[in-house]
Amino acid sequence: MQQYRPMQNVTILWLPGHINIPQITKIDEMAKHATSLQDIYHTELTSNEIIGKVDDWIWKEWVKDWKAKVTCRYQDVFELKREGYRGNNMVRIKETIVNRIRLLQTRLNSDLFKIGLHENGLCEKCQVKQDIFHFIYECSDSVILRDNLRYASDDQLSLMGLNEITTSKKLCNVLIDYILANKLDI
């Protein structure tokens, strides 16, 4: 490699084999297959281009796995996106709120009920399951939140799912600001 890229730093990592980790097993198979190839050729890809191609391959494999193995409601709620609002430079409390909402693991009654910390999981005002969907779209206590989200989304809230709200910087901030202003423990 030094012959082709004399100024390039190369790191070689040992990965434990034969321990039933599918990704490592696949890498091992690919490496063994590569040693048997007759037509080995030099490529002029930069390290960034190679990383991009590897990232694309990993993403495609991950998407196949995601679609083939639906295991929870989360996969029904969120569509896969490679990019989205990640909240860089977000204060820790705001980041925590967003992550809890995205993971459907809030401190709302239905989520507390799942772990035995609430007697029935119902919204105390509406007497229906109090999850994040109820909180955002239905609860009579969060009418102002819905109005703010409608305004921020140009009146498109009814067409938006939780995925769109939590990946939009503007809508995510409206949601966080409402939660913090009302001192809600999400």
C-alpha atoms as a PDB file:
ATOM      1  CA  MET A   1       0.000   0.000   0.000  1.00  0.00           C
ATOM      2  CA  GLN A   2       2.885   2.349   0.712  1.00  0.00           C
ATOM      3  CA  GLN A   3       3.849   2.010  -2.955  1.00  0.00           C
ATOM      4  CA  TYR A   4       0.474   3.433  -4.088  1.00  0.00           C
ATOM      5  CA  ARG A   5      -0.208   5.874  -1.269  1.00  0.00           C
ATOM      6  CA  PRO A   6       3.105   6.780   0.406  1.00  0.00           C
ATOM      7  CA  MET A   7       1.596   9.619   2.461  1.00  0.00           C
ATOM      8  CA  GLN A   8      -1.533   7.703   3.472  1.00  0.00           C
ATOM      9  CA  ASN A   9      -1.783   6.360   7.022  1.00  0.00           C
ATOM     10  CA  VAL A  10      -3.134   2.847   7.151  1.00  0.00           C
ATOM     11  CA  THR A  11      -4.592   1.172  10.204  1.00  0.00           C
ATOM     12  CA  ILE A  12      -4.947  -2.583  10.285  1.00  0.00           C
ATOM     13  CA  LEU A  13      -7.351  -3.966  12.857  1.00  0.00           C
ATOM     14  CA  TRP A  14      -7.671  -7.533  13.988  1.00  0.00           C
ATOM     15  CA  LEU A  15     -11.262  -8.671  14.291  1.00  0.00           C
ATOM     16  CA  PRO A  16     -12.025 -11.831  16.243  1.00  0.00           C
ATOM     17  CA  GLY A  17     -13.337 -14.550  13.965  1.00  0.00           C
ATOM     18  CA  HIS A  18     -15.597 -17.529  14.552  1.00  0.00           C
ATOM     19  CA  ILE A  19     -17.705 -15.823  17.194  1.00  0.00           C
ATOM     20  CA  ASN A  20     -20.972 -15.708  15.248  1.00  0.00           C
ATOM     21  CA  ILE A  21     -21.081 -11.980  14.549  1.00  0.00           C
ATOM     22  CA  PRO A  22     -22.671 -11.855  11.069  1.00  0.00           C
ATOM     23  CA  GLN A  23     -20.845  -8.712   9.940  1.00  0.00           C
ATOM     24  CA  ILE A  24     -17.416 -10.072  10.884  1.00  0.00           C
ATOM     25  CA  THR A  25     -18.241 -13.422   9.275  1.00  0.00           C
ATOM     26  CA  LYS A  26     -19.228 -11.583   6.069  1.00  0.00           C
ATOM     27  CA  ILE A  27     -15.993  -9.536   6.113  1.00  0.00           C
ATOM     28  CA  ASP A  28     -13.986 -12.736   6.580  1.00  0.00           C
ATOM     29  CA  GLU A  29     -15.773 -14.415   3.649  1.00  0.00           C
ATOM     30  CA  MET A  30     -15.194 -11.385   1.441  1.00  0.00           C
ATOM     31  CA  ALA A  31     -11.503 -11.215   2.352  1.00  0.00           C
ATOM     32  CA  LYS A  32     -11.016 -14.935   1.629  1.00  0.00           C
ATOM     33  CA  HIS A  33     -12.827 -14.561  -1.687  1.00  0.00           C
ATOM     34  CA  ALA A  34     -10.658 -11.561  -2.619  1.00  0.00           C
ATOM     35  CA  THR A  35      -7.465 -13.618  -2.174  1.00  0.00           C
ATOM     36  CA  SER A  36      -8.659 -16.073  -4.821  1.00  0.00           C
ATOM     37  CA  LEU A  37      -9.393 -13.446  -7.489  1.00  0.00           C
ATOM     38  CA  GLN A  38      -7.222 -13.528 -10.601  1.00  0.00           C
ATOM     39  CA  ASP A  39      -8.102 -10.051 -11.859  1.00  0.00           C
ATOM     40  CA  ILE A  40      -6.727  -7.759  -9.209  1.00  0.00           C
ATOM     41  CA  TYR A  41      -6.491  -4.174 -10.361  1.00  0.00           C
ATOM     42  CA  HIS A  42      -5.425  -0.863  -8.924  1.00  0.00           C
ATOM     43  CA  THR A  43      -8.140   1.705  -8.304  1.00  0.00           C
ATOM     44  CA  GLU A  44      -7.680   5.430  -7.962  1.00  0.00           C
ATOM     45  CA  LEU A  45     -10.331   5.994  -5.310  1.00  0.00           C
ATOM     46  CA  THR A  46      -9.571   8.380  -2.502  1.00  0.00           C
ATOM     47  CA  SER A  47     -10.049   7.233   1.070  1.00  0.00           C
ATOM     48  CA  ASN A  48     -13.164   9.453   1.303  1.00  0.00           C
ATOM     49  CA  GLU A  49     -14.632   7.808  -1.803  1.00  0.00           C
ATOM     50  CA  ILE A  50     -13.940   4.365  -0.355  1.00  0.00           C
ATOM     51  CA  ILE A  51     -15.520   5.323   2.969  1.00  0.00           C
ATOM     52  CA  GLY A  52     -18.552   6.652   1.073  1.00  0.00           C
ATOM     53  CA  LYS A  53     -18.941   3.391  -0.851  1.00  0.00           C
ATOM     54  CA  VAL A  54     -18.590   1.340   2.337  1.00  0.00           C
ATOM     55  CA  ASP A  55     -21.138   3.584   4.089  1.00  0.00           C
ATOM     56  CA  ASP A  56     -23.564   3.127   1.173  1.00  0.00           C
ATOM     57  CA  TRP A  57     -23.159  -0.643   1.307  1.00  0.00           C
ATOM     58  CA  ILE A  58     -23.665  -0.713   5.086  1.00  0.00           C
ATOM     59  CA  TRP A  59     -26.782   1.487   4.744  1.00  0.00           C
ATOM     60  CA  LYS A  60     -28.285  -0.823   2.077  1.00  0.00           C
ATOM     61  CA  GLU A  61     -27.620  -3.912   4.190  1.00  0.00           C
ATOM     62  CA  TRP A  62     -29.072  -2.229   7.264  1.00  0.00           C
ATOM     63  CA  VAL A  63     -32.226  -1.184   5.354  1.00  0.00           C
ATOM     64  CA  LYS A  64     -32.738  -4.767   4.148  1.00  0.00           C
ATOM     65  CA  ASP A  65     -32.387  -6.036   7.707  1.00  0.00           C
ATOM     66  CA  TRP A  66     -34.712  -3.303   9.091  1.00  0.00           C
ATOM     67  CA  LYS A  67     -37.447  -4.170   6.583  1.00  0.00           C
ATOM     68  CA  ALA A  68     -37.077  -7.927   6.990  1.00  0.00           C
ATOM     69  CA  LYS A  69     -37.161  -7.959  10.790  1.00  0.00           C
ATOM     70  CA  VAL A  70     -39.953  -5.714  12.029  1.00  0.00           C
ATOM     71  CA  THR A  71     -39.917  -6.180  15.785  1.00  0.00           C
ATOM     72  CA  CYS A  72     -41.636  -3.164  17.282  1.00  0.00           C
ATOM     73  CA  ARG A  73     -43.937  -0.216  16.771  1.00  0.00           C
ATOM     74  CA  TYR A  74     -40.959   2.072  16.229  1.00  0.00           C
ATOM     75  CA  GLN A  75     -40.424   0.552  12.799  1.00  0.00           C
ATOM     76  CA  ASP A  76     -44.013   1.328  11.854  1.00  0.00           C
ATOM     77  CA  VAL A  77     -43.767   4.927  13.044  1.00  0.00           C
ATOM     78  CA  PHE A  78     -40.432   6.023  11.636  1.00  0.00           C
ATOM     79  CA  GLU A  79     -39.394   5.751   8.037  1.00  0.00           C
ATOM     80  CA  LEU A  80     -35.718   5.286   7.444  1.00  0.00           C
ATOM     81  CA  LYS A  81     -33.743   8.415   6.703  1.00  0.00           C
ATOM     82  CA  ARG A  82     -30.028   8.795   6.423  1.00  0.00           C
ATOM     83  CA  GLU A  83     -30.176  12.462   7.208  1.00  0.00           C
ATOM     84  CA  GLY A  84     -32.338  14.397   9.598  1.00  0.00           C
ATOM     85  CA  TYR A  85     -32.288  16.945  12.348  1.00  0.00           C
ATOM     86  CA  ARG A  86     -29.721  15.713  14.816  1.00  0.00           C
ATOM     87  CA  GLY A  87     -29.683  18.782  16.975  1.00  0.00           C
ATOM     88  CA  ASN A  88     -25.958  19.443  16.900  1.00  0.00           C
ATOM     89  CA  ASN A  89     -24.974  21.840  19.663  1.00  0.00           C
ATOM     90  CA  MET A  90     -28.282  21.116  21.394  1.00  0.00           C
ATOM     91  CA  VAL A  91     -28.365  21.537  25.156  1.00  0.00           C
ATOM     92  CA  ARG A  92     -28.431  18.207  26.984  1.00  0.00           C
ATOM     93  CA  ILE A  93     -32.006  18.543  28.313  1.00  0.00           C
ATOM     94  CA  LYS A  94     -33.356  19.272  24.831  1.00  0.00           C
ATOM     95  CA  GLU A  95     -31.397  16.375  23.354  1.00  0.00           C
ATOM     96  CA  THR A  96     -32.790  14.064  26.049  1.00  0.00           C
ATOM     97  CA  ILE A  97     -36.368  15.135  25.294  1.00  0.00           C
ATOM     98  CA  VAL A  98     -35.960  14.567  21.559  1.00  0.00           C
ATOM     99  CA  ASN A  99     -34.312  11.188  22.047  1.00  0.00           C
ATOM    100  CA  ARG A 100     -37.043   9.988  24.412  1.00  0.00           C
ATOM    101  CA  ILE A 101     -39.719  11.014  21.927  1.00  0.00           C
ATOM    102  CA  ARG A 102     -37.915   9.437  18.963  1.00  0.00           C
ATOM    103  CA  LEU A 103     -37.378   6.196  20.883  1.00  0.00           C
ATOM    104  CA  LEU A 104     -41.003   6.163  22.102  1.00  0.00           C
ATOM    105  CA  GLN A 105     -39.660   5.905  25.650  1.00  0.00           C
ATOM    106  CA  THR A 106     -41.057   8.977  27.374  1.00  0.00           C
ATOM    107  CA  ARG A 107     -42.222   9.571  30.915  1.00  0.00           C
ATOM    108  CA  LEU A 108     -45.817   9.789  29.772  1.00  0.00           C
ATOM    109  CA  ASN A 109     -48.216   7.482  31.607  1.00  0.00           C
ATOM    110  CA  SER A 110     -48.382   4.695  29.007  1.00  0.00           C
ATOM    111  CA  ASP A 111     -44.587   4.385  28.945  1.00  0.00           C
ATOM    112  CA  LEU A 112     -44.413   4.469  32.744  1.00  0.00           C
ATOM    113  CA  PHE A 113     -47.110   1.778  32.832  1.00  0.00           C
ATOM    114  CA  LYS A 114     -44.893  -0.489  30.668  1.00  0.00           C
ATOM    115  CA  ILE A 115     -42.262  -0.497  33.399  1.00  0.00           C
ATOM    116  CA  GLY A 116     -44.670  -0.711  36.326  1.00  0.00           C
ATOM    117  CA  LEU A 117     -44.488   2.935  37.383  1.00  0.00           C
ATOM    118  CA  HIS A 118     -48.080   3.904  36.579  1.00  0.00           C
ATOM    119  CA  GLU A 119     -51.229   2.054  37.515  1.00  0.00           C
ATOM    120  CA  ASN A 120     -53.011   2.109  34.139  1.00  0.00           C
ATOM    121  CA  GLY A 121     -51.125   4.214  31.554  1.00  0.00           C
ATOM    122  CA  LEU A 122     -54.090   6.491  30.906  1.00  0.00           C
ATOM    123  CA  CYS A 123     -54.126  10.251  30.448  1.00  0.00           C
ATOM    124  CA  GLU A 124     -55.626  11.639  33.630  1.00  0.00           C
ATOM    125  CA  LYS A 125     -57.690  14.198  31.746  1.00  0.00           C
ATOM    126  CA  CYS A 126     -58.805  12.226  28.661  1.00  0.00           C
ATOM    127  CA  GLN A 127     -58.860   8.711  30.198  1.00  0.00           C
ATOM    128  CA  VAL A 128     -57.211   7.150  27.110  1.00  0.00           C
ATOM    129  CA  LYS A 129     -53.738   5.690  26.647  1.00  0.00           C
ATOM    130  CA  GLN A 130     -51.319   8.579  27.206  1.00  0.00           C
ATOM    131  CA  ASP A 131     -48.489   8.028  24.735  1.00  0.00           C
ATOM    132  CA  ILE A 132     -46.596  10.545  22.633  1.00  0.00           C
ATOM    133  CA  PHE A 133     -49.193  10.314  19.840  1.00  0.00           C
ATOM    134  CA  HIS A 134     -51.997  11.188  22.228  1.00  0.00           C
ATOM    135  CA  PHE A 135     -49.897  13.964  23.748  1.00  0.00           C
ATOM    136  CA  ILE A 136     -49.146  15.615  20.394  1.00  0.00           C
ATOM    137  CA  TYR A 137     -52.270  14.907  18.333  1.00  0.00           C
ATOM    138  CA  GLU A 138     -55.230  14.407  20.690  1.00  0.00           C
ATOM    139  CA  CYS A 139     -54.895  15.493  24.309  1.00  0.00           C
ATOM    140  CA  SER A 140     -57.051  18.438  25.376  1.00  0.00           C
ATOM    141  CA  ASP A 141     -54.154  19.633  27.555  1.00  0.00           C
ATOM    142  CA  SER A 142     -51.889  20.130  24.527  1.00  0.00           C
ATOM    143  CA  VAL A 143     -54.127  22.209  22.249  1.00  0.00           C
ATOM    144  CA  ILE A 144     -51.623  25.081  22.335  1.00  0.00           C
ATOM    145  CA  LEU A 145     -48.848  22.707  21.278  1.00  0.00           C
ATOM    146  CA  ARG A 146     -50.909  21.570  18.290  1.00  0.00           C
ATOM    147  CA  ASP A 147     -51.682  25.180  17.357  1.00  0.00           C
ATOM    148  CA  ASN A 148     -47.974  26.048  17.512  1.00  0.00           C
ATOM    149  CA  LEU A 149     -47.049  22.998  15.432  1.00  0.00           C
ATOM    150  CA  ARG A 150     -49.782  23.792  12.884  1.00  0.00           C
ATOM    151  CA  TYR A 151     -48.508  27.339  12.563  1.00  0.00           C
ATOM    152  CA  ALA A 152     -44.861  26.230  12.255  1.00  0.00           C
ATOM    153  CA  SER A 153     -45.794  23.579   9.671  1.00  0.00           C
ATOM    154  CA  ASP A 154     -47.916  25.914   7.533  1.00  0.00           C
ATOM    155  CA  ASP A 155     -51.053  24.089   8.660  1.00  0.00           C
ATOM    156  CA  GLN A 156     -49.713  20.665   7.615  1.00  0.00           C
ATOM    157  CA  LEU A 157     -49.690  19.035  11.067  1.00  0.00           C
ATOM    158  CA  SER A 158     -52.555  16.662  10.245  1.00  0.00           C
ATOM    159  CA  LEU A 159     -50.485  15.282   7.353  1.00  0.00           C
ATOM    160  CA  MET A 160     -47.348  14.814   9.441  1.00  0.00           C
ATOM    161  CA  GLY A 161     -46.259  11.850  11.457  1.00  0.00           C
ATOM    162  CA  LEU A 162     -43.985  11.797  14.461  1.00  0.00           C
ATOM    163  CA  ASN A 163     -41.069  11.138  12.130  1.00  0.00           C
ATOM    164  CA  GLU A 164     -41.574  14.425  10.280  1.00  0.00           C
ATOM    165  CA  ILE A 165     -41.963  16.392  13.495  1.00  0.00           C
ATOM    166  CA  THR A 166     -38.849  14.994  15.171  1.00  0.00           C
ATOM    167  CA  THR A 167     -36.635  15.328  12.099  1.00  0.00           C
ATOM    168  CA  SER A 168     -37.611  18.912  11.321  1.00  0.00           C
ATOM    169  CA  LYS A 169     -35.469  21.413  13.224  1.00  0.00           C
ATOM    170  CA  LYS A 170     -38.276  23.969  13.279  1.00  0.00           C
ATOM    171  CA  LEU A 171     -41.010  21.592  14.489  1.00  0.00           C
ATOM    172  CA  CYS A 172     -38.701  19.823  16.905  1.00  0.00           C
ATOM    173  CA  ASN A 173     -37.869  23.144  18.527  1.00  0.00           C
ATOM    174  CA  VAL A 174     -41.577  24.030  18.818  1.00  0.00           C
ATOM    175  CA  LEU A 175     -42.184  20.713  20.586  1.00  0.00           C
ATOM    176  CA  ILE A 176     -39.189  21.099  22.908  1.00  0.00           C
ATOM    177  CA  ASP A 177     -40.021  24.725  23.732  1.00  0.00           C
ATOM    178  CA  TYR A 178     -43.590  23.762  24.640  1.00  0.00           C
ATOM    179  CA  ILE A 179     -42.414  20.925  26.891  1.00  0.00           C
ATOM    180  CA  LEU A 180     -39.860  23.113  28.659  1.00  0.00           C
ATOM    181  CA  ALA A 181     -42.143  26.167  28.970  1.00  0.00           C
ATOM    182  CA  ASN A 182     -44.833  24.018  30.592  1.00  0.00           C
ATOM    183  CA  LYS A 183     -42.313  22.206  32.801  1.00  0.00           C
ATOM    184  CA  LEU A 184     -43.467  18.810  31.530  1.00  0.00           C
ATOM    185  CA  ASP A 185     -41.421  15.782  32.506  1.00  0.00           C
ATOM    186  CA  ILE A 186     -41.108  13.931  29.231  1.00  0.00           C
END
